[in-house]
Protein backbone atom coordinates (compact mmCIF):
# COMPACT_ATOMS: atom_id res chain seq x y z
CA MET A 1 89.39 72.46 124.54
CA LYS A 2 91.99 74.97 123.39
CA ILE A 3 93.79 73.97 120.20
CA LEU A 4 96.97 75.80 119.26
CA VAL A 5 98.00 75.71 115.59
CA MET A 6 101.55 77.03 115.62
CA GLY A 7 104.51 77.45 113.30
CA LEU A 8 106.62 79.99 111.50
CA PRO A 9 105.03 82.71 109.37
CA GLY A 10 104.14 81.12 106.04
CA ALA A 11 103.93 77.57 107.42
CA GLY A 12 100.19 77.28 106.66
CA LYS A 13 98.67 77.91 110.10
CA THR A 14 95.71 79.97 108.91
CA HIS A 15 94.99 77.61 106.01
CA LEU A 16 94.88 74.62 108.37
CA ALA A 17 92.96 76.40 111.15
CA GLU A 18 90.31 77.75 108.80
CA ARG A 19 89.61 74.28 107.45
CA LEU A 20 89.75 72.57 110.85
CA GLN A 21 87.27 75.10 112.19
CA LYS A 22 84.74 73.92 109.64
CA VAL A 23 85.25 70.24 110.51
CA LEU A 24 85.11 70.85 114.27
CA ASN A 25 82.38 73.51 114.06
CA CYS A 26 84.22 75.58 116.66
CA ALA A 27 85.46 79.07 117.43
CA TRP A 28 88.62 80.25 115.67
CA TYR A 29 90.95 83.14 116.46
CA ASN A 30 93.66 84.20 114.04
CA ALA A 31 96.59 86.10 115.54
CA ASP A 32 96.75 88.73 112.81
CA LYS A 33 93.05 89.51 113.22
CA VAL A 34 93.41 89.71 117.00
CA ARG A 35 96.48 91.97 116.69
CA GLU A 36 94.55 94.16 114.27
CA MET A 37 91.64 94.48 116.72
CA ALA A 38 94.08 95.39 119.50
CA ASN A 39 96.12 97.65 117.20
CA ASP A 40 99.22 96.02 118.67
CA TRP A 41 101.93 95.17 116.17
CA ASP A 42 104.74 94.83 118.74
CA PHE A 43 106.78 91.73 117.92
CA SER A 44 109.33 92.17 120.71
CA PRO A 45 109.59 89.27 123.19
CA GLU A 46 107.32 91.21 125.55
CA GLY A 47 104.84 91.95 122.74
CA ARG A 48 104.71 88.27 121.84
CA VAL A 49 103.94 87.26 125.43
CA ARG A 50 101.25 89.96 125.53
CA GLN A 51 99.78 88.50 122.33
CA ALA A 52 99.86 84.96 123.78
CA ASN A 53 98.00 86.24 126.85
CA ARG A 54 95.51 88.05 124.62
CA MET A 55 94.89 84.88 122.62
CA LYS A 56 94.54 82.94 125.89
CA THR A 57 91.84 85.35 127.07
CA PHE A 58 89.75 84.69 123.96
CA ALA A 59 90.40 80.94 124.09
CA ASP A 60 89.63 80.68 127.80
CA PHE A 61 86.31 82.46 127.25
CA GLU A 62 85.33 79.91 124.62
CA SER A 63 86.53 76.98 126.75
CA SER A 64 84.68 78.23 129.81
CA ASN A 65 81.52 78.15 127.70
CA LYS A 66 82.19 74.51 126.72
CA ARG A 67 83.26 75.35 123.18
CA ILE A 68 86.22 74.04 121.25
CA VAL A 69 88.48 76.85 120.07
CA ILE A 70 91.35 76.97 117.59
CA CYS A 71 93.96 79.72 117.85
CA ASP A 72 96.52 80.00 115.10
CA PHE A 73 99.64 82.00 115.81
CA VAL A 74 103.41 81.69 115.68
CA CYS A 75 103.81 81.20 119.44
CA PRO A 76 107.60 81.16 118.93
CA THR A 77 108.95 80.43 122.43
CA ARG A 78 108.29 78.10 125.31
CA GLN A 79 107.29 81.17 127.32
CA THR A 80 104.57 82.14 124.83
CA ARG A 81 103.29 78.55 124.65
CA ASP A 82 103.24 78.31 128.44
CA ALA A 83 101.37 81.63 128.63
CA PHE A 84 98.73 80.39 126.17
CA ASP A 85 98.46 76.98 127.90
CA PRO A 86 96.97 74.90 125.05
CA GLY A 87 95.10 71.65 125.53
CA LEU A 88 96.24 70.35 122.16
CA VAL A 89 99.13 71.51 119.96
CA ILE A 90 99.47 71.15 116.20
CA TRP A 91 102.92 72.25 115.04
CA LEU A 92 103.33 73.10 111.38
CA ASN A 93 106.94 72.23 110.65
CA THR A 94 106.45 72.76 106.93
CA ILE A 95 109.20 75.35 106.39
CA LYS A 96 112.66 75.78 107.84
CA ALA A 97 112.65 79.59 107.86
CA GLY A 98 109.86 82.13 107.78
CA ARG A 99 109.85 85.52 106.11
CA TYR A 100 110.83 87.42 109.27
CA GLU A 101 114.40 86.95 110.45
CA ASP A 102 113.67 88.16 113.99
CA THR A 103 111.04 85.43 114.33
CA ASN A 104 113.36 82.80 112.86
CA MET A 105 116.04 83.74 115.37
CA MET A 106 113.77 83.50 118.40
CA PHE A 107 111.71 80.46 117.34
CA GLU A 108 112.18 77.48 119.66
CA THR A 109 111.18 74.07 118.38
CA PRO A 110 108.35 72.88 120.62
CA ALA A 111 109.13 69.91 122.83
CA LEU A 112 105.57 68.73 123.40
CA VAL A 113 103.11 68.55 120.52
CA ASP A 114 100.14 66.37 119.69
CA TRP A 115 100.61 66.59 115.91
CA THR A 116 103.58 67.56 113.80
CA VAL A 117 102.63 68.49 110.27
CA ASP A 118 105.73 68.43 108.07
CA LYS A 119 104.17 69.05 104.66
CA PHE A 120 101.35 71.16 103.28
CA LEU A 121 98.13 69.17 103.53
CA THR A 122 95.17 68.71 101.24
CA ASP A 123 91.71 69.60 102.47
CA GLU A 124 90.98 65.88 102.81
CA GLN A 125 94.05 65.35 105.02
CA ILE A 126 93.03 68.30 107.19
CA GLU A 127 89.55 66.85 107.51
CA GLU A 128 91.12 63.57 108.69
CA ILE A 129 92.98 65.47 111.43
CA GLY A 130 89.67 67.02 112.43
CA TRP A 131 88.06 63.63 112.76
CA GLU A 132 91.04 62.37 114.79
CA ILE A 133 90.66 65.36 117.11
CA LYS A 134 86.97 64.52 117.51
CA GLY A 135 88.14 61.03 118.47
CA TYR A 136 89.85 62.58 121.50
CA GLY A 137 86.36 62.87 122.94
CA ILE A 138 85.98 66.63 122.59
């Protein structure tokens, strides 16, 4: 199962993913860490699709080995979400604008999500989401 934790920069993606990873005992890939490994800091539309494909490669590897994986990244457009092809989407709608205007301008509100998180959560609330995800039978 590939879980996408998405939202604007500063929305709390890494905070949520890090804590969910502990509850689900699964793999976790953070976009900034993956970009750092690839030494690819291109945030153009093409660079963002390349990053989504890169994240998909890591996530598909984990999924093909029967592991749950969480990937947290902005994933700002339908095209990047389609490229990643998540099994479950958690959208952090906790802020109305991020710290990067170019990202704010290109960000498309996702049409299909499994969870919308509209406020910053406590560790206990995040743990509850983890248990709900486990209830999906994964």
